[in-house]
C-alpha cells in the first residue's frame, strides 16, 4: 500500500486481539509511555519523539499534526494521528504492521464536513473499506456489515442543515446527489460495530500517552503518572518498559 497525497485527516487505528475489547478497558488500565515509544521507534527510529501528556482519549481533543496518541493494553492497542490519505485502504503498511493483532481497524469521522471512512484488516488482508464525502463514494470494498444496513436504507438521514452538498465537497471535486446518511456518522457506527463499544462514550476511560514528533520540546511531566508495565504485542515480539 502507498499513501495518497490527499487532505489531512485524523485517523484512529485499533489493533484487536482480545475477544472482548470493552472488558480490557473496563479493567481500568493505565497509560504506558514505553509502549508508545516502542511503536514510534518501529515506525521510524529517526523521529524526534517528545512525550506531551497522558490522558483519556475519549475526554480530550483529537491528535493534531505532528502528534501521536497511543494506548497499549493486553489484547488491545490504538494509535491516533494526522495523516495525508484519501482512502483508508491505502494507509501505509508501516502504521499497521508495528503491532501484532488479529484484527486492525481504522476510522475517520469529520462531522463538520460529513467526510467519513472506515476499514478492517484481518490477518493482514483487507476485508472492508468505505470512504465517502456527503456526495461521493470514494471507495467501497468488501462486504457491507450489518451495522451499515439502516444507513443505506435511509434511516439515519442528516438534518436539513447538514444536507448541503456544496458545503461538503472537498475543493476540486464535483458535487452530486447527497448520500442518505453522513459518512462521518457511519464511521462512528463502524467503530461501535467492530469494537463492541463506543469509543466516544465518557467511560470507561481510554488512556493514551501523547507524543510530538515535530521537534517541539517535551513539557515537564509527572514521572509517576505512567506506570511501568511490559507489553508483548509488537510485531517483532518485543516489549519495552515505560519510561
C-alpha atoms as a PDB file:
ATOM      1  CA  UNK A   1       0.000   0.000   0.000  1.00  0.00           C
ATOM      2  CA  UNK A   2       1.112   3.540  -0.636  1.00  0.00           C
ATOM      3  CA  UNK A   3      -0.157   6.766   0.840  1.00  0.00           C
ATOM      4  CA  UNK A   4      -2.054   9.193  -1.276  1.00  0.00           C
ATOM      5  CA  UNK A   5      -1.126  12.868  -1.311  1.00  0.00           C
ATOM      6  CA  UNK A   6      -4.581  13.999  -0.280  1.00  0.00           C
ATOM      7  CA  UNK A   7      -6.045  16.036   2.536  1.00  0.00           C
ATOM      8  CA  UNK A   8      -5.017  15.594   6.144  1.00  0.00           C
ATOM      9  CA  UNK A   9      -7.338  13.593   8.367  1.00  0.00           C
ATOM     10  CA  UNK A  10      -7.299  12.446  11.973  1.00  0.00           C
ATOM     11  CA  UNK A  11      -7.032   8.657  11.681  1.00  0.00           C
ATOM     12  CA  UNK A  12      -7.664   6.338  14.616  1.00  0.00           C
ATOM     13  CA  UNK A  13      -6.331   2.785  14.300  1.00  0.00           C
ATOM     14  CA  UNK A  14      -7.315  -0.025  16.660  1.00  0.00           C
ATOM     15  CA  UNK A  15      -5.351  -3.273  16.981  1.00  0.00           C
ATOM     16  CA  UNK A  16      -7.523  -6.018  18.449  1.00  0.00           C
ATOM     17  CA  UNK A  17      -6.668  -9.487  19.678  1.00  0.00           C
ATOM     18  CA  UNK A  18      -8.914  -9.631  22.762  1.00  0.00           C
ATOM     19  CA  UNK A  19     -12.241 -11.403  22.290  1.00  0.00           C
ATOM     20  CA  UNK A  20     -13.990  -8.618  24.215  1.00  0.00           C
ATOM     21  CA  UNK A  21     -12.188  -5.271  23.794  1.00  0.00           C
ATOM     22  CA  UNK A  22     -14.600  -3.482  26.134  1.00  0.00           C
ATOM     23  CA  UNK A  23     -13.587  -5.755  29.016  1.00  0.00           C
ATOM     24  CA  UNK A  24      -9.961  -4.698  28.532  1.00  0.00           C
ATOM     25  CA  UNK A  25     -10.907  -1.069  29.157  1.00  0.00           C
ATOM     26  CA  UNK A  26     -13.306  -1.999  31.958  1.00  0.00           C
ATOM     27  CA  UNK A  27     -10.266  -3.296  33.852  1.00  0.00           C
ATOM     28  CA  UNK A  28      -9.076   0.345  34.007  1.00  0.00           C
ATOM     29  CA  UNK A  29      -5.581   0.009  32.528  1.00  0.00           C
ATOM     30  CA  UNK A  30      -3.239   2.967  32.764  1.00  0.00           C
ATOM     31  CA  UNK A  31      -1.222   4.775  30.090  1.00  0.00           C
ATOM     32  CA  UNK A  32       2.064   3.231  29.001  1.00  0.00           C
ATOM     33  CA  UNK A  33       4.605   5.655  27.540  1.00  0.00           C
ATOM     34  CA  UNK A  34       7.075   2.860  26.884  1.00  0.00           C
ATOM     35  CA  UNK A  35       4.586   1.163  24.585  1.00  0.00           C
ATOM     36  CA  UNK A  36       4.158   4.382  22.627  1.00  0.00           C
ATOM     37  CA  UNK A  37       7.895   4.955  22.359  1.00  0.00           C
ATOM     38  CA  UNK A  38       8.377   1.423  21.075  1.00  0.00           C
ATOM     39  CA  UNK A  39       5.701   1.859  18.403  1.00  0.00           C
ATOM     40  CA  UNK A  40       7.244   5.112  17.207  1.00  0.00           C
ATOM     41  CA  UNK A  41      10.744   3.616  17.188  1.00  0.00           C
ATOM     42  CA  UNK A  42       9.490   0.814  14.950  1.00  0.00           C
ATOM     43  CA  UNK A  43       7.615   3.306  12.783  1.00  0.00           C
ATOM     44  CA  UNK A  44      10.682   5.487  12.206  1.00  0.00           C
ATOM     45  CA  UNK A  45      13.705   5.459  14.540  1.00  0.00           C
ATOM     46  CA  UNK A  46      14.654   8.937  13.285  1.00  0.00           C
ATOM     47  CA  UNK A  47      11.555  10.611  14.715  1.00  0.00           C
ATOM     48  CA  UNK A  48      12.273  13.275  17.388  1.00  0.00           C
ATOM     49  CA  UNK A  49       9.900  11.817  19.986  1.00  0.00           C
ATOM     50  CA  UNK A  50       8.784  14.062  22.860  1.00  0.00           C
ATOM     51  CA  UNK A  51       6.130  12.933  25.385  1.00  0.00           C
ATOM     52  CA  UNK A  52       3.486  15.642  25.835  1.00  0.00           C
ATOM     53  CA  UNK A  53       0.973  14.074  28.222  1.00  0.00           C
ATOM     54  CA  UNK A  54      -1.123  11.150  29.427  1.00  0.00           C
ATOM     55  CA  UNK A  55      -4.929  11.418  29.368  1.00  0.00           C
ATOM     56  CA  UNK A  56      -8.152   9.644  28.335  1.00  0.00           C
ATOM     57  CA  UNK A  57      -8.632   9.691  24.563  1.00  0.00           C
ATOM     58  CA  UNK A  58     -12.409   9.815  24.938  1.00  0.00           C
ATOM     59  CA  UNK A  59     -12.251  13.000  27.010  1.00  0.00           C
ATOM     60  CA  UNK A  60      -9.741  15.012  25.010  1.00  0.00           C
ATOM     61  CA  UNK A  61      -9.367  16.878  21.737  1.00  0.00           C
ATOM     62  CA  UNK A  62      -8.128  14.727  18.837  1.00  0.00           C
ATOM     63  CA  UNK A  63      -4.467  14.497  17.900  1.00  0.00           C
ATOM     64  CA  UNK A  64      -3.079  17.410  15.906  1.00  0.00           C
ATOM     65  CA  UNK A  65      -0.444  17.493  13.151  1.00  0.00           C
ATOM     66  CA  UNK A  66       2.853  16.060  14.335  1.00  0.00           C
ATOM     67  CA  UNK A  67       1.217  14.234  17.255  1.00  0.00           C
ATOM     68  CA  UNK A  68       0.550  10.597  18.113  1.00  0.00           C
ATOM     69  CA  UNK A  69      -1.863   9.425  20.807  1.00  0.00           C
ATOM     70  CA  UNK A  70      -1.016   5.812  21.653  1.00  0.00           C
ATOM     71  CA  UNK A  71      -2.536   3.285  24.032  1.00  0.00           C
ATOM     72  CA  UNK A  72      -1.331  -0.261  24.623  1.00  0.00           C
ATOM     73  CA  UNK A  73      -3.197  -2.792  26.752  1.00  0.00           C
ATOM     74  CA  UNK A  74      -3.483  -6.581  26.996  1.00  0.00           C
ATOM     75  CA  UNK A  75      -5.003  -7.662  23.677  1.00  0.00           C
ATOM     76  CA  UNK A  76      -5.894  -4.137  22.583  1.00  0.00           C
ATOM     77  CA  UNK A  77      -3.992  -1.117  21.288  1.00  0.00           C
ATOM     78  CA  UNK A  78      -4.746   2.114  19.472  1.00  0.00           C
ATOM     79  CA  UNK A  79      -2.923   4.844  17.598  1.00  0.00           C
ATOM     80  CA  UNK A  80      -4.404   8.206  16.628  1.00  0.00           C
ATOM     81  CA  UNK A  81      -2.556  10.669  14.423  1.00  0.00           C
ATOM     82  CA  UNK A  82      -2.982  13.022  11.464  1.00  0.00           C
ATOM     83  CA  UNK A  83      -2.182  11.523   8.064  1.00  0.00           C
ATOM     84  CA  UNK A  84      -2.391  12.634   4.456  1.00  0.00           C
ATOM     85  CA  UNK A  85      -4.569   9.932   2.949  1.00  0.00           C
ATOM     86  CA  UNK A  86      -7.685   9.894   0.771  1.00  0.00           C
ATOM     87  CA  UNK A  87      -8.567   6.196   1.035  1.00  0.00           C
ATOM     88  CA  UNK A  88      -8.173   4.190   4.215  1.00  0.00           C
ATOM     89  CA  UNK A  89      -7.360   1.116   2.167  1.00  0.00           C
ATOM     90  CA  UNK A  90      -4.196   2.993   1.160  1.00  0.00           C
ATOM     91  CA  UNK A  91      -2.900   3.581   4.675  1.00  0.00           C
ATOM     92  CA  UNK A  92       0.859   2.977   4.624  1.00  0.00           C
ATOM     93  CA  UNK A  93       1.628  -0.505   5.920  1.00  0.00           C
ATOM     94  CA  UNK A  94       4.192   0.790   8.378  1.00  0.00           C
ATOM     95  CA  UNK A  95       1.384   2.241  10.514  1.00  0.00           C
ATOM     96  CA  UNK A  96      -0.464  -1.075  10.597  1.00  0.00           C
ATOM     97  CA  UNK A  97       2.233  -3.712  10.944  1.00  0.00           C
ATOM     98  CA  UNK A  98       4.059  -2.432  14.040  1.00  0.00           C
ATOM     99  CA  UNK A  99       1.581  -4.015  16.475  1.00  0.00           C
ATOM    100  CA  UNK A 100       0.625  -7.674  16.233  1.00  0.00           C
ATOM    101  CA  UNK A 101      -3.158  -8.113  16.106  1.00  0.00           C
ATOM    102  CA  UNK A 102      -5.731 -10.432  14.603  1.00  0.00           C
ATOM    103  CA  UNK A 103      -7.922  -7.544  13.509  1.00  0.00           C
ATOM    104  CA  UNK A 104      -6.932  -3.987  12.665  1.00  0.00           C
ATOM    105  CA  UNK A 105      -9.493  -1.226  12.213  1.00  0.00           C
ATOM    106  CA  UNK A 106      -9.091   2.372  11.056  1.00  0.00           C
ATOM    107  CA  UNK A 107     -11.602   5.204  11.254  1.00  0.00           C
ATOM    108  CA  UNK A 108     -12.010   8.813  10.109  1.00  0.00           C
ATOM    109  CA  UNK A 109     -15.061  10.841  11.163  1.00  0.00           C
ATOM    110  CA  UNK A 110     -15.216  14.554  10.306  1.00  0.00           C
ATOM    111  CA  UNK A 111     -18.608  15.781  11.417  1.00  0.00           C
ATOM    112  CA  UNK A 112     -18.104  19.356  10.238  1.00  0.00           C
ATOM    113  CA  UNK A 113     -17.929  18.196   6.605  1.00  0.00           C
ATOM    114  CA  UNK A 114     -19.572  14.781   6.795  1.00  0.00           C
ATOM    115  CA  UNK A 115     -16.452  13.052   5.431  1.00  0.00           C
ATOM    116  CA  UNK A 116     -16.068   9.577   6.865  1.00  0.00           C
ATOM    117  CA  UNK A 117     -14.151   6.368   6.330  1.00  0.00           C
ATOM    118  CA  UNK A 118     -13.525   3.016   7.928  1.00  0.00           C
ATOM    119  CA  UNK A 119     -11.500  -0.082   7.104  1.00  0.00           C
ATOM    120  CA  UNK A 120     -10.941  -3.550   8.531  1.00  0.00           C
ATOM    121  CA  UNK A 121      -7.997  -5.866   8.005  1.00  0.00           C
ATOM    122  CA  UNK A 122      -7.932  -9.441   9.303  1.00  0.00           C
ATOM    123  CA  UNK A 123      -4.584 -11.214   9.414  1.00  0.00           C
ATOM    124  CA  UNK A 124      -3.245  -8.537   7.076  1.00  0.00           C
ATOM    125  CA  UNK A 125      -5.997  -8.946   4.468  1.00  0.00           C
ATOM    126  CA  UNK A 126      -8.353  -6.060   3.716  1.00  0.00           C
ATOM    127  CA  UNK A 127     -11.897  -7.228   4.455  1.00  0.00           C
ATOM    128  CA  UNK A 128     -13.903  -3.993   4.234  1.00  0.00           C
ATOM    129  CA  UNK A 129     -13.145  -0.383   3.312  1.00  0.00           C
ATOM    130  CA  UNK A 130     -15.512   2.521   2.796  1.00  0.00           C
ATOM    131  CA  UNK A 131     -14.632   6.174   2.241  1.00  0.00           C
ATOM    132  CA  UNK A 132     -17.038   8.917   1.186  1.00  0.00           C
ATOM    133  CA  UNK A 133     -17.905  12.582   1.216  1.00  0.00           C
ATOM    134  CA  UNK A 134     -21.543  13.568   1.622  1.00  0.00           C
ATOM    135  CA  UNK A 135     -21.988  13.395  -2.151  1.00  0.00           C
ATOM    136  CA  UNK A 136     -19.403  10.937  -3.453  1.00  0.00           C
ATOM    137  CA  UNK A 137     -18.311   7.416  -2.579  1.00  0.00           C
ATOM    138  CA  UNK A 138     -14.534   7.266  -2.954  1.00  0.00           C
ATOM    139  CA  UNK A 139     -14.129   3.586  -2.142  1.00  0.00           C
ATOM    140  CA  UNK A 140     -16.478   0.737  -1.271  1.00  0.00           C
ATOM    141  CA  UNK A 141     -14.570  -2.533  -0.995  1.00  0.00           C
ATOM    142  CA  UNK A 142     -15.607  -5.792   0.611  1.00  0.00           C
ATOM    143  CA  UNK A 143     -18.939  -6.925   2.004  1.00  0.00           C
ATOM    144  CA  UNK A 144     -21.165  -4.413   3.844  1.00  0.00           C
ATOM    145  CA  UNK A 145     -21.510  -5.112   7.558  1.00  0.00           C
ATOM    146  CA  UNK A 146     -24.801  -5.474   9.477  1.00  0.00           C
ATOM    147  CA  UNK A 147     -24.400  -2.086  11.181  1.00  0.00           C
ATOM    148  CA  UNK A 148     -24.483  -0.419   7.745  1.00  0.00           C
ATOM    149  CA  UNK A 149     -27.961  -1.617   6.767  1.00  0.00           C
ATOM    150  CA  UNK A 150     -30.008   1.133   8.405  1.00  0.00           C
ATOM    151  CA  UNK A 151     -27.774   3.823   6.922  1.00  0.00           C
ATOM    152  CA  UNK A 152     -28.128   2.568   3.365  1.00  0.00           C
ATOM    153  CA  UNK A 153     -31.877   2.183   3.954  1.00  0.00           C
ATOM    154  CA  UNK A 154     -32.129   5.904   4.726  1.00  0.00           C
ATOM    155  CA  UNK A 155     -32.987   5.538   8.413  1.00  0.00           C
ATOM    156  CA  UNK A 156     -30.234   7.926   9.505  1.00  0.00           C
ATOM    157  CA  UNK A 157     -30.680  10.853   7.155  1.00  0.00           C
ATOM    158  CA  UNK A 158     -28.800  14.025   8.174  1.00  0.00           C
ATOM    159  CA  UNK A 159     -30.723  17.028   9.431  1.00  0.00           C
ATOM    160  CA  UNK A 160     -31.547  19.521   6.635  1.00  0.00           C
ATOM    161  CA  UNK A 161     -28.792  21.908   7.750  1.00  0.00           C
ATOM    162  CA  UNK A 162     -26.246  19.117   7.282  1.00  0.00           C
ATOM    163  CA  UNK A 163     -27.610  18.041   3.906  1.00  0.00           C
ATOM    164  CA  UNK A 164     -25.880  20.738   1.837  1.00  0.00           C
ATOM    165  CA  UNK A 165     -23.774  19.076  -0.879  1.00  0.00           C
ATOM    166  CA  UNK A 166     -21.854  22.201  -1.882  1.00  0.00           C
ATOM    167  CA  UNK A 167     -20.559  22.705   1.652  1.00  0.00           C
ATOM    168  CA  UNK A 168     -19.203  19.205   1.975  1.00  0.00           C
ATOM    169  CA  UNK A 169     -17.480  18.663  -1.356  1.00  0.00           C
ATOM    170  CA  UNK A 170     -13.682  18.994  -0.975  1.00  0.00           C
ATOM    171  CA  UNK A 171     -12.001  21.569  -3.166  1.00  0.00           C
ATOM    172  CA  UNK A 172     -11.520  20.332  -6.707  1.00  0.00           C
ATOM    173  CA  UNK A 173     -14.222  17.676  -6.546  1.00  0.00           C
ATOM    174  CA  UNK A 174     -17.526  17.812  -8.396  1.00  0.00           C
ATOM    175  CA  UNK A 175     -20.765  17.876  -6.415  1.00  0.00           C
ATOM    176  CA  UNK A 176     -23.622  15.422  -6.761  1.00  0.00           C
ATOM    177  CA  UNK A 177     -26.627  13.883  -5.065  1.00  0.00           C
ATOM    178  CA  UNK A 178     -26.112  13.542  -1.330  1.00  0.00           C
ATOM    179  CA  UNK A 179     -25.926  10.095   0.228  1.00  0.00           C
ATOM    180  CA  UNK A 180     -28.835   9.126   2.513  1.00  0.00           C
ATOM    181  CA  UNK A 181     -26.529   9.402   5.535  1.00  0.00           C
ATOM    182  CA  UNK A 182     -23.496  11.238   6.811  1.00  0.00           C
ATOM    183  CA  UNK A 183     -20.377   9.117   6.144  1.00  0.00           C
ATOM    184  CA  UNK A 184     -18.931  10.504   9.376  1.00  0.00           C
ATOM    185  CA  UNK A 185     -21.865   9.049  11.306  1.00  0.00           C
ATOM    186  CA  UNK A 186     -21.450   5.727   9.509  1.00  0.00           C
ATOM    187  CA  UNK A 187     -17.783   5.721  10.530  1.00  0.00           C
ATOM    188  CA  UNK A 188     -18.863   6.189  14.148  1.00  0.00           C
ATOM    189  CA  UNK A 189     -21.299   3.299  13.764  1.00  0.00           C
ATOM    190  CA  UNK A 190     -18.483   1.209  12.301  1.00  0.00           C
ATOM    191  CA  UNK A 191     -16.349   1.849  15.371  1.00  0.00           C
ATOM    192  CA  UNK A 192     -19.183   0.739  17.640  1.00  0.00           C
ATOM    193  CA  UNK A 193     -19.967  -2.275  15.477  1.00  0.00           C
ATOM    194  CA  UNK A 194     -16.420  -3.516  15.058  1.00  0.00           C
ATOM    195  CA  UNK A 195     -15.127  -2.788  18.561  1.00  0.00           C
ATOM    196  CA  UNK A 196     -18.239  -3.687  20.535  1.00  0.00           C
ATOM    197  CA  UNK A 197     -18.262  -0.387  22.448  1.00  0.00           C
ATOM    198  CA  UNK A 198     -18.480   3.322  21.678  1.00  0.00           C
ATOM    199  CA  UNK A 199     -15.040   4.989  21.836  1.00  0.00           C
ATOM    200  CA  UNK A 200     -16.790   8.349  22.246  1.00  0.00           C
ATOM    201  CA  UNK A 201     -18.562   7.363  25.472  1.00  0.00           C
ATOM    202  CA  UNK A 202     -17.287   9.209  28.561  1.00  0.00           C
ATOM    203  CA  UNK A 203     -16.426   5.923  30.249  1.00  0.00           C
ATOM    204  CA  UNK A 204     -14.623   3.723  30.702  1.00  0.00           C
ATOM    205  CA  UNK A 205     -11.531   5.802  30.053  1.00  0.00           C
ATOM    206  CA  UNK A 206      -9.311   5.023  27.072  1.00  0.00           C
ATOM    207  CA  UNK A 207      -5.886   6.003  28.462  1.00  0.00           C
ATOM    208  CA  UNK A 208      -3.296   7.149  25.951  1.00  0.00           C
ATOM    209  CA  UNK A 209       0.168   8.635  26.024  1.00  0.00           C
ATOM    210  CA  UNK A 210       0.663  11.562  23.659  1.00  0.00           C
ATOM    211  CA  UNK A 211       3.859  12.278  21.763  1.00  0.00           C
ATOM    212  CA  UNK A 212       5.022  15.081  19.492  1.00  0.00           C
ATOM    213  CA  UNK A 213       7.271  14.136  16.585  1.00  0.00           C
ATOM    214  CA  UNK A 214       7.677  17.580  15.021  1.00  0.00           C
ATOM    215  CA  UNK A 215      10.703  18.709  17.004  1.00  0.00           C
ATOM    216  CA  UNK A 216       8.953  20.517  19.836  1.00  0.00           C
ATOM    217  CA  UNK A 217      10.365  20.260  23.353  1.00  0.00           C
ATOM    218  CA  UNK A 218       8.705  17.976  25.866  1.00  0.00           C
ATOM    219  CA  UNK A 219       6.882  19.702  28.743  1.00  0.00           C
ATOM    220  CA  UNK A 220       7.639  18.726  32.331  1.00  0.00           C
ATOM    221  CA  UNK A 221       5.623  15.572  33.059  1.00  0.00           C
ATOM    222  CA  UNK A 222       4.857  13.801  36.315  1.00  0.00           C
ATOM    223  CA  UNK A 223       7.116  10.715  36.238  1.00  0.00           C
ATOM    224  CA  UNK A 224       4.639   8.815  38.433  1.00  0.00           C
ATOM    225  CA  UNK A 225       1.651   9.319  36.142  1.00  0.00           C
ATOM    226  CA  UNK A 226       2.525   6.498  33.759  1.00  0.00           C
ATOM    227  CA  UNK A 227       3.075   3.111  35.431  1.00  0.00           C
ATOM    228  CA  UNK A 228       5.779   0.859  34.056  1.00  0.00           C
ATOM    229  CA  UNK A 229       4.338  -2.323  32.509  1.00  0.00           C
ATOM    230  CA  UNK A 230       5.690  -4.734  29.935  1.00  0.00           C
ATOM    231  CA  UNK A 231       3.852  -5.393  26.675  1.00  0.00           C
ATOM    232  CA  UNK A 232       4.497  -8.192  24.221  1.00  0.00           C
ATOM    233  CA  UNK A 233       2.157  -7.298  21.389  1.00  0.00           C
ATOM    234  CA  UNK A 234       4.585  -5.735  18.938  1.00  0.00           C
ATOM    235  CA  UNK A 235       5.003  -7.482  15.639  1.00  0.00           C
ATOM    236  CA  UNK A 236       8.673  -8.135  16.365  1.00  0.00           C
ATOM    237  CA  UNK A 237       7.720  -9.972  19.557  1.00  0.00           C
ATOM    238  CA  UNK A 238       9.445  -7.444  21.793  1.00  0.00           C
ATOM    239  CA  UNK A 239       8.282  -5.400  24.740  1.00  0.00           C
ATOM    240  CA  UNK A 240       9.547  -2.249  26.379  1.00  0.00           C
ATOM    241  CA  UNK A 241       9.205  -0.764  29.830  1.00  0.00           C
ATOM    242  CA  UNK A 242       7.510   2.608  30.167  1.00  0.00           C
ATOM    243  CA  UNK A 243       9.935   5.481  30.500  1.00  0.00           C
END
